[in-house]
Structure formats: structure tokens, C-alpha cells
C-alpha atoms as a PDB file:
ATOM      1  CA  MET A   1     -72.930 -61.960 -11.168  1.00  0.00           C
ATOM      2  CA  SER A   2     -70.224 -59.852  -9.548  1.00  0.00           C
ATOM      3  CA  TYR A   3     -69.255 -56.322 -10.500  1.00  0.00           C
ATOM      4  CA  GLU A   4     -65.815 -55.741 -12.019  1.00  0.00           C
ATOM      5  CA  GLY A   5     -64.428 -52.294 -12.629  1.00  0.00           C
ATOM      6  CA  TYR A   6     -62.427 -49.376 -11.377  1.00  0.00           C
ATOM      7  CA  ASP A   7     -62.786 -45.684 -10.568  1.00  0.00           C
ATOM      8  CA  ARG A   8     -60.695 -42.961 -12.176  1.00  0.00           C
ATOM      9  CA  PHE A   9     -60.046 -39.623 -10.501  1.00  0.00           C
ATOM     10  CA  LEU A  10     -58.438 -36.268 -11.339  1.00  0.00           C
ATOM     11  CA  CYS A  11     -57.563 -33.596  -8.789  1.00  0.00           C
ATOM     12  CA  SER A  12     -57.506 -29.867  -9.587  1.00  0.00           C
ATOM     13  CA  ASP A  13     -53.786 -30.145 -10.409  1.00  0.00           C
ATOM     14  CA  GLY A  14     -54.526 -32.717 -13.142  1.00  0.00           C
ATOM     15  CA  HIS A  15     -53.076 -35.759 -11.377  1.00  0.00           C
ATOM     16  CA  LEU A  16     -54.731 -39.036 -12.400  1.00  0.00           C
ATOM     17  CA  TRP A  17     -55.176 -42.054 -10.144  1.00  0.00           C
ATOM     18  CA  GLU A  18     -57.211 -45.208 -10.510  1.00  0.00           C
ATOM     19  CA  LEU A  19     -58.508 -47.593  -7.871  1.00  0.00           C
ATOM     20  CA  ASP A  20     -60.462 -50.824  -7.924  1.00  0.00           C
ATOM     21  CA  ALA A  21     -64.125 -49.889  -7.528  1.00  0.00           C
ATOM     22  CA  HIS A  22     -64.516 -52.101  -4.470  1.00  0.00           C
ATOM     23  CA  SER A  23     -61.713 -50.310  -2.619  1.00  0.00           C
ATOM     24  CA  THR A  24     -63.308 -46.854  -2.895  1.00  0.00           C
ATOM     25  CA  MET A  25     -66.950 -47.596  -2.175  1.00  0.00           C
ATOM     26  CA  TYR A  26     -66.956 -46.353   1.425  1.00  0.00           C
ATOM     27  CA  ASP A  27     -63.550 -44.758   1.871  1.00  0.00           C
ATOM     28  CA  GLU A  28     -63.537 -41.056   1.014  1.00  0.00           C
ATOM     29  CA  GLU A  29     -59.864 -40.766   2.014  1.00  0.00           C
ATOM     30  CA  LYS A  30     -58.943 -42.925  -0.988  1.00  0.00           C
ATOM     31  CA  GLN A  31     -60.681 -40.354  -3.163  1.00  0.00           C
ATOM     32  CA  ARG A  32     -57.913 -37.845  -2.400  1.00  0.00           C
ATOM     33  CA  CYS A  33     -54.942 -37.462  -4.708  1.00  0.00           C
ATOM     34  CA  PRO A  34     -52.031 -39.685  -3.656  1.00  0.00           C
ATOM     35  CA  ILE A  35     -49.588 -37.131  -5.114  1.00  0.00           C
ATOM     36  CA  CYS A  36     -50.782 -33.816  -3.632  1.00  0.00           C
ATOM     37  CA  ASN A  37     -53.595 -34.931  -1.279  1.00  0.00           C
ATOM     38  CA  LYS A  38     -56.164 -32.640  -2.938  1.00  0.00           C
ATOM     39  CA  ALA A  39     -59.749 -33.809  -3.294  1.00  0.00           C
ATOM     40  CA  GLU A  40     -60.882 -35.203  -6.614  1.00  0.00           C
ATOM     41  CA  ILE A  41     -62.763 -32.805  -8.900  1.00  0.00           C
ATOM     42  CA  TRP A  42     -63.522 -35.258 -11.710  1.00  0.00           C
ATOM     43  CA  SER A  43     -64.254 -38.934 -11.583  1.00  0.00           C
ATOM     44  CA  GLU A  44     -65.736 -41.728 -13.603  1.00  0.00           C
ATOM     45  CA  ILE A  45     -66.673 -45.333 -12.995  1.00  0.00           C
ATOM     46  CA  ILE A  46     -65.437 -47.878 -15.527  1.00  0.00           C
ATOM     47  CA  ASN A  47     -67.623 -50.981 -15.570  1.00  0.00           C
ATOM     48  CA  GLU A  48     -65.681 -53.985 -16.870  1.00  0.00           C
ATOM     49  CA  THR A  49     -68.251 -56.614 -15.872  1.00  0.00           C
ATOM     50  CA  ASN A  50     -69.183 -57.417 -19.478  1.00  0.00           C
ATOM     51  CA  GLY A  51     -66.296 -55.930 -21.450  1.00  0.00           C
ATOM     52  CA  ASP A  52     -63.495 -53.408 -21.323  1.00  0.00           C
ATOM     53  CA  GLY A  53     -65.612 -50.473 -20.185  1.00  0.00           C
ATOM     54  CA  ASN A  54     -65.282 -47.158 -21.979  1.00  0.00           C
ATOM     55  CA  PRO A  55     -62.796 -44.864 -20.198  1.00  0.00           C
ATOM     56  CA  THR A  56     -62.636 -41.226 -21.236  1.00  0.00           C
ATOM     57  CA  LYS A  57     -59.632 -40.443 -23.419  1.00  0.00           C
ATOM     58  CA  LEU A  58     -57.838 -37.907 -21.256  1.00  0.00           C
ATOM     59  CA  VAL A  59     -55.616 -35.231 -22.805  1.00  0.00           C
ATOM     60  CA  LEU A  60     -52.182 -34.398 -21.404  1.00  0.00           C
ATOM     61  CA  ASP A  61     -51.567 -30.755 -20.506  1.00  0.00           C
ATOM     62  CA  SER A  62     -48.550 -30.184 -22.744  1.00  0.00           C
ATOM     63  CA  GLU A  63     -47.451 -27.078 -20.810  1.00  0.00           C
ATOM     64  CA  LYS A  64     -47.409 -28.753 -17.372  1.00  0.00           C
ATOM     65  CA  THR A  65     -46.481 -32.365 -18.145  1.00  0.00           C
ATOM     66  CA  LYS A  66     -42.823 -33.024 -17.297  1.00  0.00           C
ATOM     67  CA  VAL A  67     -40.830 -34.912 -19.917  1.00  0.00           C
ATOM     68  CA  CYS A  68     -37.227 -36.135 -19.685  1.00  0.00           C
ATOM     69  CA  ASP A  69     -34.976 -34.066 -21.957  1.00  0.00           C
ATOM     70  CA  HIS A  70     -32.803 -37.074 -22.806  1.00  0.00           C
ATOM     71  CA  CYS A  71     -35.257 -39.884 -23.532  1.00  0.00           C
ATOM     72  CA  GLU A  72     -38.618 -38.082 -23.861  1.00  0.00           C
ATOM     73  CA  THR A  73     -40.205 -40.301 -21.180  1.00  0.00           C
ATOM     74  CA  ILE A  74     -43.093 -38.684 -19.326  1.00  0.00           C
ATOM     75  CA  LEU A  75     -41.888 -38.067 -15.766  1.00  0.00           C
ATOM     76  CA  GLN A  76     -45.121 -36.592 -14.440  1.00  0.00           C
ATOM     77  CA  ALA A  77     -48.359 -36.637 -16.394  1.00  0.00           C
ATOM     78  CA  ILE A  78     -50.694 -33.700 -15.861  1.00  0.00           C
ATOM     79  CA  TYR A  79     -54.086 -33.985 -17.548  1.00  0.00           C
ATOM     80  CA  LEU A  80     -56.586 -31.371 -18.622  1.00  0.00           C
ATOM     81  CA  ILE A  81     -59.838 -31.624 -16.678  1.00  0.00           C
ATOM     82  CA  PRO A  82     -62.610 -32.784 -19.038  1.00  0.00           C
ATOM     83  CA  ASP A  83     -65.348 -30.248 -19.742  1.00  0.00           C
ATOM     84  CA  ASP A  84     -67.958 -32.507 -18.163  1.00  0.00           C
ATOM     85  CA  ALA A  85     -66.440 -32.175 -14.669  1.00  0.00           C
ATOM     86  CA  ASP A  86     -69.418 -32.754 -12.404  1.00  0.00           C
ATOM     87  CA  HIS A  87     -67.942 -31.487  -9.138  1.00  0.00           C
END
């Protein structure tokens, strides 16, 4: 049986990025934020081998998230770092 899943990362600025688990296994450079190039400070592995996995419900930082004044679309999502940050 093969493994299916993805990794989720947050940097200290609250930027979220997700990568297929197989693409990050041995490449630490991919574990840097693609927006600001900072190292990840929180991560989790989502195992979808036998279901949808159980990703953490992240909370937007309402003071830092940028929203369009005209259409209320989120232009840049900034998330609060979960309390269980293990780094």
C-alpha cells in the first residue's frame, strides 16, 4: 500500500504553504516559506492514505490578513501560529 498525503507549514510571519509529502521528504529547501523564504516554525503531516486526514483548523490573524476593500476577497492570508508549535 502506498502513502498518500501532504505536509502543511507555517513560517513565523503566518504564511501557509502545503506540499505533497513525497516532495518534501529529503529537501529542506522546500520547507522554507515560498513567500518570504523564512524557515517553517510549525508543521503537520496529513495522512490521506485511508481517508481525508485531519488537518488542523487554522485561524486567520484578522489584524494582519489583507482583504480587498471592494469585494472582501482575501488578498494575503496570515494565520495565527497554533499553540502546539513544536519548533
